[in-house]
C-alpha atoms as a PDB file:
ATOM      1  CA  MET A   1     -35.957 -18.381-138.499  1.00  0.00           C
ATOM      2  CA  THR A   2     -34.069 -21.211-140.698  1.00  0.00           C
ATOM      3  CA  LYS A   3     -33.722 -21.419-144.385  1.00  0.00           C
ATOM      4  CA  SER A   4     -36.586 -23.585-144.797  1.00  0.00           C
ATOM      5  CA  GLU A   5     -38.932 -21.335-142.838  1.00  0.00           C
ATOM      6  CA  LEU A   6     -37.556 -18.347-144.968  1.00  0.00           C
ATOM      7  CA  ILE A   7     -38.436 -20.258-148.300  1.00  0.00           C
ATOM      8  CA  LEU A   8     -41.765 -21.310-146.842  1.00  0.00           C
ATOM      9  CA  ARG A   9     -42.461 -17.742-145.748  1.00  0.00           C
ATOM     10  CA  LEU A  10     -41.395 -16.192-149.162  1.00  0.00           C
ATOM     11  CA  SER A  11     -43.761 -18.759-150.978  1.00  0.00           C
ATOM     12  CA  GLU A  12     -46.664 -17.960-148.792  1.00  0.00           C
ATOM     13  CA  GLN A  13     -46.070 -14.409-149.802  1.00  0.00           C
ATOM     14  CA  ASN A  14     -45.598 -15.059-153.288  1.00  0.00           C
ATOM     15  CA  PRO A  15     -48.404 -17.477-154.571  1.00  0.00           C
ATOM     16  CA  HIS A  16     -47.598 -16.765-158.161  1.00  0.00           C
ATOM     17  CA  LEU A  17     -43.831 -18.400-157.737  1.00  0.00           C
ATOM     18  CA  TYR A  18     -43.156 -22.137-157.350  1.00  0.00           C
ATOM     19  CA  GLN A  19     -41.408 -23.042-154.136  1.00  0.00           C
ATOM     20  CA  ARG A  20     -38.442 -24.987-156.019  1.00  0.00           C
ATOM     21  CA  ASP A  21     -37.878 -21.466-157.754  1.00  0.00           C
ATOM     22  CA  ILE A  22     -37.580 -19.760-154.364  1.00  0.00           C
ATOM     23  CA  GLU A  23     -35.528 -22.215-152.841  1.00  0.00           C
ATOM     24  CA  LYS A  24     -33.122 -21.775-155.919  1.00  0.00           C
ATOM     25  CA  ILE A  25     -33.469 -17.920-155.448  1.00  0.00           C
ATOM     26  CA  VAL A  26     -32.407 -18.037-151.699  1.00  0.00           C
ATOM     27  CA  SER A  27     -29.774 -20.749-152.310  1.00  0.00           C
ATOM     28  CA  THR A  28     -28.229 -18.687-155.125  1.00  0.00           C
ATOM     29  CA  ILE A  29     -28.066 -15.376-152.909  1.00  0.00           C
ATOM     30  CA  PHE A  30     -26.329 -17.243-150.087  1.00  0.00           C
ATOM     31  CA  ASP A  31     -23.933 -18.791-152.420  1.00  0.00           C
ATOM     32  CA  GLU A  32     -23.216 -15.653-154.010  1.00  0.00           C
ATOM     33  CA  ILE A  33     -22.622 -14.020-150.593  1.00  0.00           C
ATOM     34  CA  THR A  34     -20.418 -16.906-149.388  1.00  0.00           C
ATOM     35  CA  GLU A  35     -18.503 -16.805-152.532  1.00  0.00           C
ATOM     36  CA  ALA A  36     -17.792 -13.201-152.177  1.00  0.00           C
ATOM     37  CA  LEU A  37     -16.632 -13.610-148.801  1.00  0.00           C
ATOM     38  CA  ALA A  38     -14.224 -16.230-149.579  1.00  0.00           C
ATOM     39  CA  ARG A  39     -12.673 -13.965-152.167  1.00  0.00           C
ATOM     40  CA  GLY A  40     -12.330 -11.444-149.327  1.00  0.00           C
ATOM     41  CA  ASP A  41     -14.809  -9.082-150.790  1.00  0.00           C
ATOM     42  CA  ARG A  42     -17.573  -7.215-148.587  1.00  0.00           C
ATOM     43  CA  VAL A  43     -21.007  -7.560-149.125  1.00  0.00           C
ATOM     44  CA  GLU A  44     -23.355  -4.683-148.509  1.00  0.00           C
ATOM     45  CA  LEU A  45     -27.066  -4.932-148.563  1.00  0.00           C
ATOM     46  CA  ARG A  46     -28.537  -1.289-147.716  1.00  0.00           C
ATOM     47  CA  GLY A  47     -30.755  -0.810-145.042  1.00  0.00           C
ATOM     48  CA  PHE A  48     -29.983  -4.272-143.790  1.00  0.00           C
ATOM     49  CA  GLY A  49     -26.521  -4.733-143.034  1.00  0.00           C
ATOM     50  CA  ALA A  50     -22.964  -5.499-144.530  1.00  0.00           C
ATOM     51  CA  PHE A  51     -21.149  -9.085-144.539  1.00  0.00           C
ATOM     52  CA  SER A  52     -17.264  -8.841-144.383  1.00  0.00           C
ATOM     53  CA  VAL A  53     -14.259 -11.071-143.144  1.00  0.00           C
ATOM     54  CA  LYS A  54     -12.001 -10.245-140.324  1.00  0.00           C
ATOM     55  CA  ARG A  55      -8.846 -11.516-139.657  1.00  0.00           C
ATOM     56  CA  ARG A  56      -7.733 -13.105-136.248  1.00  0.00           C
ATOM     57  CA  ASP A  57      -4.218 -13.299-135.212  1.00  0.00           C
ATOM     58  CA  ALA A  58      -2.177 -16.440-134.256  1.00  0.00           C
ATOM     59  CA  ARG A  59      -2.378 -16.565-130.405  1.00  0.00           C
ATOM     60  CA  THR A  60      -1.660 -18.869-127.385  1.00  0.00           C
ATOM     61  CA  GLY A  61      -5.054 -20.129-126.251  1.00  0.00           C
ATOM     62  CA  ARG A  62      -5.535 -22.689-123.114  1.00  0.00           C
ATOM     63  CA  ASN A  63      -7.237 -25.724-123.220  1.00  0.00           C
ATOM     64  CA  PRO A  64     -10.090 -25.574-120.845  1.00  0.00           C
ATOM     65  CA  ARG A  65      -9.942 -28.929-119.597  1.00  0.00           C
ATOM     66  CA  THR A  66      -6.261 -29.353-118.744  1.00  0.00           C
ATOM     67  CA  GLY A  67      -5.094 -25.609-118.631  1.00  0.00           C
ATOM     68  CA  GLU A  68      -2.547 -26.756-121.098  1.00  0.00           C
ATOM     69  CA  ALA A  69      -1.235 -23.820-123.609  1.00  0.00           C
ATOM     70  CA  VAL A  70      -2.192 -24.478-127.125  1.00  0.00           C
ATOM     71  CA  SER A  71      -1.231 -22.609-130.366  1.00  0.00           C
ATOM     72  CA  VAL A  72      -4.121 -21.193-132.333  1.00  0.00           C
ATOM     73  CA  THR A  73      -3.273 -20.616-135.746  1.00  0.00           C
ATOM     74  CA  GLU A  74      -4.380 -17.164-137.373  1.00  0.00           C
ATOM     75  CA  LYS A  75      -8.053 -17.528-139.195  1.00  0.00           C
ATOM     76  CA  TYR A  76     -10.633 -15.516-140.919  1.00  0.00           C
ATOM     77  CA  ILE A  77     -14.118 -15.305-139.460  1.00  0.00           C
ATOM     78  CA  PRO A  78     -17.337 -13.746-141.172  1.00  0.00           C
ATOM     79  CA  PHE A  79     -18.265 -10.661-139.699  1.00  0.00           C
ATOM     80  CA  PHE A  80     -21.771  -9.000-140.058  1.00  0.00           C
ATOM     81  CA  LYS A  81     -22.609  -5.355-139.166  1.00  0.00           C
ATOM     82  CA  THR A  82     -26.400  -4.562-139.058  1.00  0.00           C
ATOM     83  CA  GLY A  83     -27.314  -1.321-141.090  1.00  0.00           C
ATOM     84  CA  LYS A  84     -28.830   1.507-139.459  1.00  0.00           C
ATOM     85  CA  GLN A  85     -32.512   1.016-140.797  1.00  0.00           C
ATOM     86  CA  LEU A  86     -32.409  -2.724-139.332  1.00  0.00           C
ATOM     87  CA  ARG A  87     -31.185  -1.435-135.895  1.00  0.00           C
ATOM     88  CA  GLU A  88     -33.655   1.396-135.533  1.00  0.00           C
ATOM     89  CA  ARG A  89     -36.493  -1.103-136.829  1.00  0.00           C
ATOM     90  CA  ILE A  90     -35.307  -3.482-134.165  1.00  0.00           C
ATOM     91  CA  ASN A  91     -34.899  -1.118-131.232  1.00  0.00           C
ATOM     92  CA  CYS A  92     -38.163   0.933-132.034  1.00  0.00           C
ATOM     93  CA  ASP A  93     -40.414   0.968-128.731  1.00  0.00           C
END
């Protein structure tokens, strides 16, 4: 599902709200999650999951085309861990 599909589905489920308002709400939520991660904070949505930032150490990698050793600098990556309720809902048979 894309962001625009999410907005469309939410507007269908909430006909009393304007689509532009739903778009602003969704964008604001995503922006706040992004800003919290940029500050190094953890964002937890109970029943859904938790967003955090993990640090990857600097390392020596390889260029797959040439096989040449390449220095890869330290970096931070976003990480998502699903919540128990989401996992159970996905794995129900």
